[in-house]
N, C-alpha and C. Protein backbone atom coordinates (compact mmCIF):
# COMPACT_ATOMS: atom_id res chain seq x y z
N MET A 1 39.30 -1.54 -38.33
CA MET A 1 38.14 -2.08 -39.28
C MET A 1 37.64 -1.58 -40.50
N ARG A 2 37.29 -1.91 -41.45
CA ARG A 2 36.75 -1.01 -42.63
C ARG A 2 35.00 -1.30 -42.43
N VAL A 3 34.65 -0.64 -43.41
CA VAL A 3 33.33 -0.82 -43.56
C VAL A 3 32.86 -1.05 -44.44
N ILE A 4 31.97 -2.54 -44.63
CA ILE A 4 31.63 -3.23 -45.79
C ILE A 4 30.61 -2.37 -46.48
N ARG A 5 31.23 -2.44 -48.16
CA ARG A 5 30.85 -1.80 -48.97
C ARG A 5 29.76 -2.63 -49.56
N LEU A 6 28.38 -2.01 -49.88
CA LEU A 6 27.05 -3.22 -50.00
C LEU A 6 26.76 -2.54 -51.71
N LEU A 7 26.27 -3.11 -52.68
CA LEU A 7 25.64 -2.71 -53.26
C LEU A 7 24.25 -3.40 -53.39
N LEU A 8 22.98 -2.61 -53.39
CA LEU A 8 21.80 -3.56 -53.26
C LEU A 8 21.14 -3.34 -54.68
N VAL A 9 20.59 -4.08 -55.18
CA VAL A 9 20.54 -4.13 -56.62
C VAL A 9 18.96 -5.08 -56.38
N ASP A 10 18.02 -4.24 -56.80
CA ASP A 10 16.32 -4.66 -56.87
C ASP A 10 15.64 -3.91 -57.46
N ASP A 11 14.44 -4.45 -58.35
CA ASP A 11 13.74 -3.02 -59.08
C ASP A 11 12.86 -2.68 -58.36
N GLU A 12 12.41 -3.66 -57.12
CA GLU A 12 11.58 -2.66 -55.99
C GLU A 12 11.89 -1.43 -55.28
N GLU A 13 11.64 0.08 -55.79
CA GLU A 13 12.43 0.71 -55.57
C GLU A 13 12.36 1.08 -53.37
N ARG A 14 10.89 0.78 -53.34
CA ARG A 14 10.57 1.05 -52.17
C ARG A 14 11.33 0.08 -51.14
N PHE A 15 11.76 -1.15 -51.56
CA PHE A 15 12.55 -2.07 -50.93
C PHE A 15 14.24 -1.85 -50.84
N VAL A 16 14.52 -1.36 -51.72
CA VAL A 16 15.90 -0.68 -51.79
C VAL A 16 16.01 0.48 -50.97
N GLU A 17 15.26 1.30 -50.82
CA GLU A 17 15.24 2.40 -50.06
C GLU A 17 15.10 1.77 -48.54
N THR A 18 14.56 1.23 -48.41
CA THR A 18 13.67 0.73 -46.82
C THR A 18 15.31 -0.32 -46.38
N LEU A 19 15.39 -1.00 -47.33
CA LEU A 19 16.59 -1.83 -46.56
C LEU A 19 17.78 -1.29 -46.55
N GLY A 20 18.16 -0.60 -47.49
CA GLY A 20 19.19 0.55 -47.58
C GLY A 20 19.35 1.24 -46.86
N LYS A 21 18.57 2.14 -45.82
CA LYS A 21 18.67 2.78 -44.91
C LYS A 21 18.71 1.80 -43.48
N ARG A 22 18.06 0.80 -43.64
CA ARG A 22 18.12 -0.17 -42.56
C ARG A 22 19.66 -0.36 -42.52
N LEU A 23 20.12 -1.22 -43.41
CA LEU A 23 22.00 -1.48 -43.32
C LEU A 23 22.85 -0.47 -42.65
N THR A 24 22.35 0.71 -43.60
CA THR A 24 23.43 1.84 -43.41
C THR A 24 23.29 2.28 -41.95
N ALA A 25 22.60 1.96 -41.05
CA ALA A 25 22.34 2.36 -39.57
C ALA A 25 22.96 1.53 -39.02
N ARG A 26 22.81 0.22 -39.41
CA ARG A 26 23.59 -0.71 -38.60
C ARG A 26 25.67 -0.30 -39.22
N GLY A 27 25.65 0.47 -40.22
CA GLY A 27 27.50 0.65 -40.15
C GLY A 27 27.75 0.51 -41.50
N LEU A 28 26.94 0.25 -42.54
CA LEU A 28 27.45 -0.63 -44.09
C LEU A 28 27.60 0.81 -44.69
N TYR A 29 28.39 0.52 -45.90
CA TYR A 29 28.39 1.85 -47.11
C TYR A 29 27.19 1.25 -47.67
N VAL A 30 26.24 1.59 -48.17
CA VAL A 30 25.42 1.30 -48.96
C VAL A 30 24.79 1.96 -50.34
N GLU A 31 25.06 1.41 -51.67
CA GLU A 31 24.31 2.31 -52.82
C GLU A 31 23.41 1.18 -53.24
N GLY A 32 22.56 1.86 -53.66
CA GLY A 32 21.18 0.80 -54.47
C GLY A 32 20.92 1.34 -55.61
N THR A 33 20.95 0.15 -56.36
CA THR A 33 20.17 0.54 -58.03
C THR A 33 19.21 -0.34 -58.21
N HIS A 34 18.75 -0.10 -59.57
CA HIS A 34 17.04 -1.10 -59.80
C HIS A 34 17.24 -1.73 -60.95
N SER A 35 18.36 -2.03 -61.46
CA SER A 35 18.46 -2.83 -62.55
C SER A 35 20.21 -3.52 -62.28
N GLY A 36 20.00 -4.85 -63.53
CA GLY A 36 21.44 -5.41 -63.56
C GLY A 36 21.98 -4.33 -64.11
N GLU A 37 21.47 -3.62 -65.31
CA GLU A 37 22.49 -2.97 -65.80
C GLU A 37 23.34 -2.05 -65.11
N ALA A 38 22.40 -1.43 -64.47
CA ALA A 38 22.68 -0.33 -63.51
C ALA A 38 23.76 -0.72 -62.70
N ALA A 39 23.75 -1.70 -62.18
CA ALA A 39 24.81 -2.40 -61.23
C ALA A 39 25.81 -2.98 -61.81
N LEU A 40 25.88 -2.72 -62.92
CA LEU A 40 27.24 -3.26 -63.78
C LEU A 40 28.19 -2.03 -63.91
N ALA A 41 27.10 -0.95 -64.12
CA ALA A 41 27.80 0.28 -64.07
C ALA A 41 28.45 0.76 -62.79
N LEU A 42 27.76 0.73 -62.00
CA LEU A 42 28.66 1.31 -60.71
C LEU A 42 29.35 0.46 -60.17
N LEU A 43 29.54 -0.99 -60.44
CA LEU A 43 30.25 -2.21 -60.36
C LEU A 43 32.02 -1.74 -61.31
N GLN A 44 31.73 -1.29 -62.58
CA GLN A 44 33.02 -1.01 -63.07
C GLN A 44 33.21 0.38 -62.68
N ALA A 45 32.45 1.14 -62.05
CA ALA A 45 33.23 1.96 -61.58
C ALA A 45 33.90 2.42 -60.14
N ARG A 46 33.21 1.70 -59.18
CA ARG A 46 34.15 1.65 -57.98
C ARG A 46 34.19 0.34 -57.31
N PRO A 47 35.19 -0.05 -56.43
CA PRO A 47 35.23 -1.48 -55.94
C PRO A 47 33.44 -2.02 -54.44
N PHE A 48 33.21 -2.94 -54.47
CA PHE A 48 32.31 -3.40 -53.66
C PHE A 48 32.60 -4.58 -52.98
N ASP A 49 32.15 -4.53 -51.86
CA ASP A 49 32.58 -6.12 -51.07
C ASP A 49 31.46 -7.04 -51.67
N VAL A 50 30.36 -7.06 -51.26
CA VAL A 50 29.10 -7.59 -51.58
C VAL A 50 28.10 -7.12 -52.19
N VAL A 51 27.38 -7.66 -52.88
CA VAL A 51 26.00 -7.51 -53.71
C VAL A 51 24.71 -7.96 -53.40
N LEU A 52 23.86 -7.64 -52.93
CA LEU A 52 22.75 -8.02 -52.58
C LEU A 52 21.85 -7.97 -53.80
N LEU A 53 21.70 -8.90 -54.78
CA LEU A 53 21.32 -9.12 -56.15
C LEU A 53 20.30 -10.10 -56.10
N ASP A 54 18.88 -9.25 -56.04
CA ASP A 54 17.20 -9.69 -56.90
C ASP A 54 17.55 -10.70 -58.20
N VAL A 55 16.80 -12.23 -57.72
CA VAL A 55 17.15 -12.81 -59.08
C VAL A 55 15.77 -12.21 -59.87
N ARG A 56 14.91 -11.87 -59.93
CA ARG A 56 13.71 -11.59 -60.54
C ARG A 56 13.85 -9.87 -60.87
N MET A 57 14.21 -9.76 -62.08
CA MET A 57 14.19 -8.29 -62.37
C MET A 57 14.06 -8.42 -64.04
N PRO A 58 12.88 -6.81 -64.42
CA PRO A 58 12.81 -6.90 -65.81
C PRO A 58 14.14 -6.81 -66.72
N GLY A 59 14.65 -7.10 -68.11
CA GLY A 59 15.37 -6.80 -68.42
C GLY A 59 16.70 -7.69 -67.97
N MET A 60 17.75 -7.58 -67.60
CA MET A 60 18.90 -8.19 -66.92
C MET A 60 18.46 -8.90 -66.02
N ASP A 61 18.05 -10.21 -65.82
CA ASP A 61 17.78 -10.70 -64.17
C ASP A 61 19.13 -11.55 -63.67
N GLY A 62 18.47 -11.42 -62.10
CA GLY A 62 19.71 -11.78 -61.42
C GLY A 62 21.21 -12.47 -61.62
N ILE A 63 20.59 -13.87 -62.44
CA ILE A 63 21.42 -15.12 -62.93
C ILE A 63 22.30 -13.82 -64.03
N GLN A 64 21.44 -13.47 -65.01
CA GLN A 64 22.75 -12.73 -66.06
C GLN A 64 23.91 -11.78 -65.55
N ALA A 65 22.96 -11.19 -64.56
CA ALA A 65 23.58 -10.05 -63.96
C ALA A 65 24.86 -10.74 -63.02
N LEU A 66 24.58 -11.73 -62.26
CA LEU A 66 25.57 -12.51 -61.31
C LEU A 66 26.58 -13.17 -62.48
N ARG A 67 26.58 -13.45 -63.71
CA ARG A 67 27.71 -13.77 -64.58
C ARG A 67 28.33 -12.37 -65.00
N GLU A 68 27.68 -11.49 -65.26
CA GLU A 68 28.23 -10.23 -65.53
C GLU A 68 29.47 -9.47 -64.66
N ILE A 69 28.67 -9.72 -63.30
CA ILE A 69 29.20 -8.81 -62.24
C ILE A 69 30.85 -9.51 -61.84
N LYS A 70 30.72 -11.21 -61.90
CA LYS A 70 31.83 -11.79 -61.58
C LYS A 70 32.87 -11.52 -62.81
N LYS A 71 32.58 -11.33 -63.81
CA LYS A 71 33.32 -10.31 -65.04
C LYS A 71 34.32 -9.32 -64.69
N VAL A 72 33.53 -8.64 -63.94
CA VAL A 72 33.74 -7.32 -63.40
C VAL A 72 34.39 -7.26 -62.49
N GLN A 73 34.29 -7.85 -61.15
CA GLN A 73 34.63 -7.91 -60.00
C GLN A 73 34.42 -9.27 -59.43
N PRO A 74 36.14 -10.16 -59.84
CA PRO A 74 35.45 -11.18 -59.69
C PRO A 74 35.68 -11.85 -57.95
N LEU A 75 36.20 -10.71 -57.07
CA LEU A 75 36.10 -11.33 -56.13
C LEU A 75 34.64 -11.00 -55.28
N VAL A 76 34.30 -9.88 -55.69
CA VAL A 76 32.81 -9.19 -54.85
C VAL A 76 32.14 -10.74 -54.65
N GLN A 77 31.41 -10.86 -53.34
CA GLN A 77 30.68 -11.72 -52.87
C GLN A 77 29.23 -11.13 -53.33
N VAL A 78 28.43 -12.01 -54.03
CA VAL A 78 27.16 -12.24 -54.37
C VAL A 78 26.04 -12.76 -53.69
N ILE A 79 25.16 -12.11 -52.92
CA ILE A 79 24.02 -12.84 -52.36
C ILE A 79 22.66 -12.59 -53.21
N LEU A 80 22.14 -14.08 -53.47
CA LEU A 80 21.44 -13.79 -54.17
C LEU A 80 19.94 -13.72 -53.04
N LEU A 81 18.88 -12.54 -53.55
CA LEU A 81 17.75 -12.22 -53.18
C LEU A 81 16.47 -12.98 -53.78
N SER A 82 15.41 -13.63 -53.51
CA SER A 82 14.43 -14.07 -54.42
C SER A 82 13.17 -14.24 -53.44
N GLY A 83 12.32 -13.50 -54.00
CA GLY A 83 10.87 -13.63 -53.54
C GLY A 83 10.29 -14.74 -53.24
N ASN A 84 10.44 -15.84 -54.36
CA ASN A 84 9.73 -17.33 -54.59
C ASN A 84 10.72 -18.30 -53.99
N ALA A 85 10.96 -19.17 -53.50
CA ALA A 85 11.92 -20.27 -53.58
C ALA A 85 11.88 -21.03 -54.20
N SER A 86 12.55 -20.56 -55.37
CA SER A 86 13.06 -21.74 -56.50
C SER A 86 14.25 -22.21 -56.44
N ILE A 87 14.79 -23.63 -55.82
CA ILE A 87 15.69 -24.28 -55.52
C ILE A 87 16.56 -24.42 -56.84
N ASN A 88 15.87 -24.24 -57.69
CA ASN A 88 16.83 -24.51 -59.28
C ASN A 88 17.72 -22.94 -58.97
N THR A 89 16.95 -21.96 -59.42
CA THR A 89 17.90 -20.41 -59.39
C THR A 89 18.86 -20.61 -58.29
N ALA A 90 18.77 -21.18 -57.23
CA ALA A 90 19.21 -20.98 -56.28
C ALA A 90 20.69 -21.72 -56.52
N VAL A 91 20.99 -23.13 -56.80
CA VAL A 91 21.65 -23.99 -57.09
C VAL A 91 22.31 -23.04 -58.50
N GLU A 92 21.75 -23.04 -59.52
CA GLU A 92 22.49 -22.02 -60.68
C GLU A 92 23.22 -20.70 -60.40
N GLY A 93 22.70 -20.06 -59.31
CA GLY A 93 23.34 -18.77 -58.82
C GLY A 93 25.02 -19.00 -57.95
N MET A 94 24.51 -20.67 -57.04
CA MET A 94 25.84 -21.17 -56.31
C MET A 94 26.66 -21.38 -57.75
N ARG A 95 26.34 -22.15 -58.11
CA ARG A 95 27.38 -22.97 -59.34
C ARG A 95 27.80 -21.59 -60.14
N LEU A 96 27.32 -20.46 -60.42
CA LEU A 96 27.93 -19.65 -60.88
C LEU A 96 28.70 -18.48 -60.04
N GLY A 97 28.71 -18.93 -58.92
CA GLY A 97 29.71 -18.00 -58.27
C GLY A 97 29.04 -17.19 -56.86
N ALA A 98 27.41 -17.56 -56.86
CA ALA A 98 27.04 -16.29 -55.69
C ALA A 98 27.64 -17.35 -54.23
N ALA A 99 27.60 -16.40 -53.17
CA ALA A 99 28.27 -16.56 -52.12
C ALA A 99 26.96 -17.59 -51.36
N ASP A 100 25.62 -16.73 -51.44
CA ASP A 100 24.58 -17.57 -50.56
C ASP A 100 23.51 -16.58 -51.19
N TYR A 101 22.39 -17.03 -50.24
CA TYR A 101 20.95 -17.00 -51.28
C TYR A 101 20.03 -16.78 -50.08
N LEU A 102 19.24 -15.60 -50.07
CA LEU A 102 18.35 -15.12 -49.02
C LEU A 102 16.71 -15.01 -50.23
N LEU A 103 15.60 -15.94 -48.95
CA LEU A 103 14.06 -15.61 -49.60
C LEU A 103 13.73 -14.20 -48.61
N LYS A 104 13.03 -13.33 -49.94
CA LYS A 104 12.43 -12.60 -49.45
C LYS A 104 11.24 -12.69 -48.73
N PRO A 105 10.17 -11.93 -47.60
CA PRO A 105 11.43 -10.83 -46.87
C PRO A 105 12.09 -11.69 -45.85
N ALA A 106 13.43 -11.28 -45.94
CA ALA A 106 14.44 -11.57 -44.88
C ALA A 106 14.34 -10.62 -43.69
N GLU A 107 14.65 -11.37 -42.48
CA GLU A 107 14.79 -10.59 -41.27
C GLU A 107 16.14 -9.84 -41.51
N ILE A 108 16.21 -8.39 -41.20
CA ILE A 108 17.71 -7.54 -41.11
C ILE A 108 18.60 -8.42 -40.43
N GLU A 109 18.19 -9.03 -39.23
CA GLU A 109 19.72 -9.98 -38.61
C GLU A 109 19.92 -10.82 -39.65
N GLU A 110 19.18 -11.64 -40.08
CA GLU A 110 19.53 -12.68 -41.32
C GLU A 110 20.43 -11.87 -42.46
N VAL A 111 20.05 -10.63 -42.80
CA VAL A 111 20.51 -10.39 -44.04
C VAL A 111 22.07 -9.96 -43.37
N MET A 112 22.29 -9.30 -42.72
CA MET A 112 23.35 -8.40 -41.88
C MET A 112 24.14 -9.83 -41.68
N ALA A 113 23.69 -10.75 -40.78
CA ALA A 113 25.05 -12.33 -40.76
C ALA A 113 25.39 -12.55 -42.00
N LYS A 114 24.15 -12.83 -43.08
CA LYS A 114 24.87 -13.00 -44.44
C LYS A 114 26.23 -12.08 -45.33
N VAL A 115 25.78 -11.01 -45.17
CA VAL A 115 26.86 -9.80 -45.67
C VAL A 115 28.26 -9.85 -44.70
N GLU A 116 28.10 -10.28 -43.38
CA GLU A 116 28.86 -10.33 -42.91
C GLU A 116 30.27 -11.23 -43.47
N GLU A 117 29.04 -12.61 -43.48
CA GLU A 117 29.68 -14.10 -43.66
C GLU A 117 30.28 -13.55 -44.84
N ALA A 118 29.72 -13.07 -45.90
CA ALA A 118 30.43 -12.78 -47.45
C ALA A 118 31.33 -11.71 -47.44
N PHE A 119 31.31 -10.57 -46.43
CA PHE A 119 32.39 -9.62 -46.32
C PHE A 119 34.04 -10.33 -45.88
N GLU A 120 33.62 -11.39 -44.68
CA GLU A 120 34.87 -12.12 -44.24
C GLU A 120 35.06 -12.98 -45.45
N LYS A 121 34.49 -13.72 -45.95
CA LYS A 121 35.22 -14.73 -46.88
C LYS A 121 35.59 -13.76 -48.01
N LYS A 122 35.48 -12.55 -48.32
CA LYS A 122 36.21 -11.62 -49.25
C LYS A 122 37.28 -11.30 -48.87
N ARG A 123 37.72 -11.10 -47.49
CA ARG A 123 38.70 -10.71 -47.02
C ARG A 123 39.79 -11.87 -47.11
N LEU A 124 39.04 -12.92 -46.77
CA LEU A 124 39.95 -14.18 -46.69
C LEU A 124 40.62 -14.60 -48.47
N GLU A 125 39.74 -14.23 -49.31
CA GLU A 125 40.14 -14.54 -50.76
C GLU A 125 41.06 -13.34 -51.33
N GLU A 126 41.17 -12.47 -50.76
CA GLU A 126 41.77 -11.16 -51.26
C GLU A 126 43.48 -11.60 -50.55
N GLY A 127 43.06 -12.02 -49.43
CA GLY A 127 44.34 -12.46 -48.83
C GLY A 127 45.11 -11.32 -47.71
């Protein structure tokens, strides 16, 4: 079974570092970045399976980034992360192709479950 390639995008550096370490310890390949623009550059450079994407970021927010990510890698599964439960953002994100939605702070088990689910969905779509 191949390793899940995860891109973690959040403007909070400590969050990216901490969650990145915890997911790596669970066997994922994780790269972290702090802006939508940087995430797009990484996605243009190499393939990822799942993107954990913060909704609220300065500059390009998560919804804008999601639109662009889907143009670059249409099959990549995007899970939106939000610190505040805005149902409108969740609905908008799902409409634009997000696979799922997580509220921060999420339990690591919940994050892993959603990532594995999204990875499985991507594998099925790839055929």
